[in-house]
Amino acid sequence: MNKQELKDELKKSMLAKDELKTSVLRMLLSSLSYLEIQKGKDYEANSEDVLSIIQKEAKQRNDSIEQFKSAGRDELVKKEEQELELLKKYLPEQMNNEELEELVTKAISQTNASSMQDMGKVMGALMPMVKGKANGSVISKIVRERLS
């Protein structure tokens, strides 16, 4: 997914009068524009930037859902869940725990990790392989379990 594809999706959602999708896509495009401004003149967001922004926004929705649930704000939970579902459509398919555990095992053997002190090495080896396909906190939990 690149920036132009997001713009095209925005046009379609506006024509379809899909307010939720239009709102989410505008937010994504706004975040991308902000990133381009931060990176400097003539910087054009690439597909990796788009993926990163979508992941960041999805993580924010997950965090908001937890906070709203604990505060008893069900109407806001519902809205955040709807936005999260839309964002998930633009993310690559997530890896399941079996696949992640295999990758963790490989990374531990590749880095010769033996204790929690080696967690940074293992995570450093793992993250490029799972970028966008798994939640960092889930990976971290699996690595911790294996190294403990």
Protein backbone atom coordinates (compact mmCIF):
# COMPACT_ATOMS: atom_id res chain seq x y z
CA MET A 1 0.00 0.00 0.00
CA ASN A 2 1.34 3.42 -0.89
CA LYS A 3 0.16 6.98 -0.42
CA GLN A 4 -1.54 7.19 -3.81
CA GLU A 5 -3.53 4.02 -3.12
CA LEU A 6 -4.70 5.57 0.15
CA LYS A 7 -5.77 8.70 -1.73
CA ASP A 8 -7.68 6.57 -4.23
CA GLU A 9 -9.38 4.68 -1.38
CA LEU A 10 -10.31 8.04 0.18
CA LYS A 11 -11.98 9.19 -3.03
CA LYS A 12 -13.98 5.95 -3.24
CA SER A 13 -15.09 6.19 0.38
CA MET A 14 -16.12 9.82 -0.08
CA LEU A 15 -18.19 8.92 -3.14
CA ALA A 16 -19.75 6.02 -1.21
CA LYS A 17 -20.48 8.43 1.68
CA ASP A 18 -18.75 6.05 4.11
CA GLU A 19 -18.05 8.51 6.93
CA LEU A 20 -16.04 6.14 9.15
CA LYS A 21 -13.73 4.97 6.37
CA THR A 22 -13.32 8.52 5.09
CA SER A 23 -12.37 9.70 8.57
CA VAL A 24 -9.82 6.90 9.08
CA LEU A 25 -8.23 7.44 5.66
CA ARG A 26 -8.01 11.20 6.19
CA MET A 27 -6.28 10.56 9.51
CA LEU A 28 -3.78 8.21 7.83
CA LEU A 29 -3.05 10.69 5.05
CA SER A 30 -2.66 13.47 7.58
CA SER A 31 -0.14 11.39 9.54
CA LEU A 32 1.76 10.66 6.33
CA SER A 33 1.86 14.34 5.41
CA TYR A 34 3.15 15.17 8.88
CA LEU A 35 5.88 12.52 8.47
CA GLU A 36 6.89 13.99 5.12
CA ILE A 37 7.14 17.45 6.66
CA GLN A 38 9.29 16.07 9.49
CA LYS A 39 11.61 14.28 7.04
CA GLY A 40 12.19 17.46 5.09
CA LYS A 41 11.74 19.05 1.74
CA ASP A 42 11.04 16.78 -1.24
CA TYR A 43 10.56 13.65 0.92
CA GLU A 44 7.88 11.34 -0.47
CA ALA A 45 6.42 8.70 1.86
CA ASN A 46 7.05 5.16 0.64
CA SER A 47 5.09 1.96 1.28
CA GLU A 48 7.21 1.21 4.36
CA ASP A 49 6.21 4.59 5.83
CA VAL A 50 2.56 3.85 5.08
CA LEU A 51 2.80 0.47 6.81
CA SER A 52 4.49 2.03 9.81
CA ILE A 53 1.80 4.72 10.13
CA ILE A 54 -1.02 2.18 9.84
CA GLN A 55 0.62 0.00 12.53
CA LYS A 56 1.05 2.99 14.82
CA GLU A 57 -2.59 4.00 14.41
CA ALA A 58 -3.78 0.41 14.98
CA LYS A 59 -1.72 0.22 18.17
CA GLN A 60 -3.25 3.50 19.34
CA ARG A 61 -6.73 2.07 18.73
CA ASN A 62 -5.88 -1.04 20.77
CA ASP A 63 -4.62 1.10 23.63
CA SER A 64 -7.70 3.34 23.47
CA ILE A 65 -10.04 0.33 23.50
CA GLU A 66 -8.42 -0.96 26.70
CA GLN A 67 -8.63 2.46 28.38
CA PHE A 68 -12.24 3.05 27.33
CA LYS A 69 -13.27 -0.42 28.51
CA SER A 70 -11.76 0.19 31.93
CA ALA A 71 -13.55 3.55 32.09
CA GLY A 72 -16.89 2.00 31.06
CA ARG A 73 -17.17 4.07 27.88
CA ASP A 74 -18.82 1.45 25.65
CA GLU A 75 -19.84 3.89 22.91
CA LEU A 76 -16.21 4.94 22.45
CA VAL A 77 -15.03 1.32 22.57
CA LYS A 78 -17.36 0.51 19.68
CA LYS A 79 -16.09 3.43 17.57
CA GLU A 80 -12.43 2.53 18.21
CA GLU A 81 -13.10 -1.14 17.37
CA GLN A 82 -14.69 -0.14 14.06
CA GLU A 83 -11.69 2.04 13.22
CA LEU A 84 -9.31 -0.77 14.19
CA GLU A 85 -11.11 -3.22 11.88
CA LEU A 86 -10.72 -0.76 9.00
CA LEU A 87 -7.02 -0.29 9.75
CA LYS A 88 -6.47 -4.07 9.87
CA LYS A 89 -7.67 -4.30 6.26
CA TYR A 90 -4.63 -2.28 5.21
CA LEU A 91 -2.11 -4.34 7.22
CA PRO A 92 -0.47 -7.54 5.97
CA GLU A 93 -1.91 -10.77 7.37
CA GLN A 94 -0.68 -11.32 10.90
CA MET A 95 1.46 -14.35 11.77
CA ASN A 96 0.02 -16.93 14.13
CA ASN A 97 1.73 -18.00 17.38
CA GLU A 98 3.12 -21.20 15.85
CA GLU A 99 4.95 -19.29 13.12
CA LEU A 100 6.21 -16.76 15.65
CA GLU A 101 7.50 -19.46 17.98
CA GLU A 102 9.41 -21.07 15.09
CA LEU A 103 11.01 -17.73 14.22
CA VAL A 104 11.87 -17.08 17.88
CA THR A 105 13.55 -20.50 18.10
CA LYS A 106 15.59 -19.76 14.96
CA ALA A 107 16.57 -16.30 16.20
CA ILE A 108 17.66 -17.66 19.59
CA SER A 109 19.85 -20.29 17.93
CA GLN A 110 21.28 -17.78 15.42
CA THR A 111 22.24 -15.31 18.14
CA ASN A 112 23.36 -18.03 20.61
CA ALA A 113 21.12 -16.43 23.22
CA SER A 114 21.01 -18.13 26.59
CA SER A 115 19.56 -15.65 29.08
CA MET A 116 17.37 -12.57 29.42
CA GLN A 117 20.47 -10.43 28.90
CA ASP A 118 20.47 -11.60 25.27
CA MET A 119 16.88 -10.48 24.65
CA GLY A 120 18.00 -7.37 22.74
CA LYS A 121 20.04 -9.47 20.32
CA VAL A 122 17.13 -11.84 19.72
CA MET A 123 14.62 -9.02 19.22
CA GLY A 124 17.05 -7.27 16.88
CA ALA A 125 17.26 -10.39 14.74
CA LEU A 126 13.51 -11.03 14.83
CA MET A 127 11.94 -7.65 14.17
CA PRO A 128 13.08 -7.26 10.53
CA MET A 129 11.59 -10.71 9.76
CA VAL A 130 8.18 -9.95 11.27
CA LYS A 131 7.82 -6.25 10.49
CA GLY A 132 4.15 -5.51 10.05
CA LYS A 133 3.16 -9.15 10.45
CA ALA A 134 3.16 -9.41 14.24
CA ASN A 135 2.71 -7.26 17.31
CA GLY A 136 6.00 -6.43 19.04
CA SER A 137 4.57 -7.07 22.50
CA VAL A 138 3.50 -10.60 21.51
CA ILE A 139 6.97 -11.32 20.13
CA SER A 140 8.58 -9.90 23.25
CA LYS A 141 6.42 -12.12 25.45
CA ILE A 142 7.39 -15.27 23.50
CA VAL A 143 11.09 -14.37 23.63
CA ARG A 144 10.87 -13.71 27.38
CA GLU A 145 9.23 -17.10 27.95
CA ARG A 146 11.93 -18.88 25.94
CA LEU A 147 14.85 -17.11 27.59
CA SER A 148 13.55 -17.47 31.16
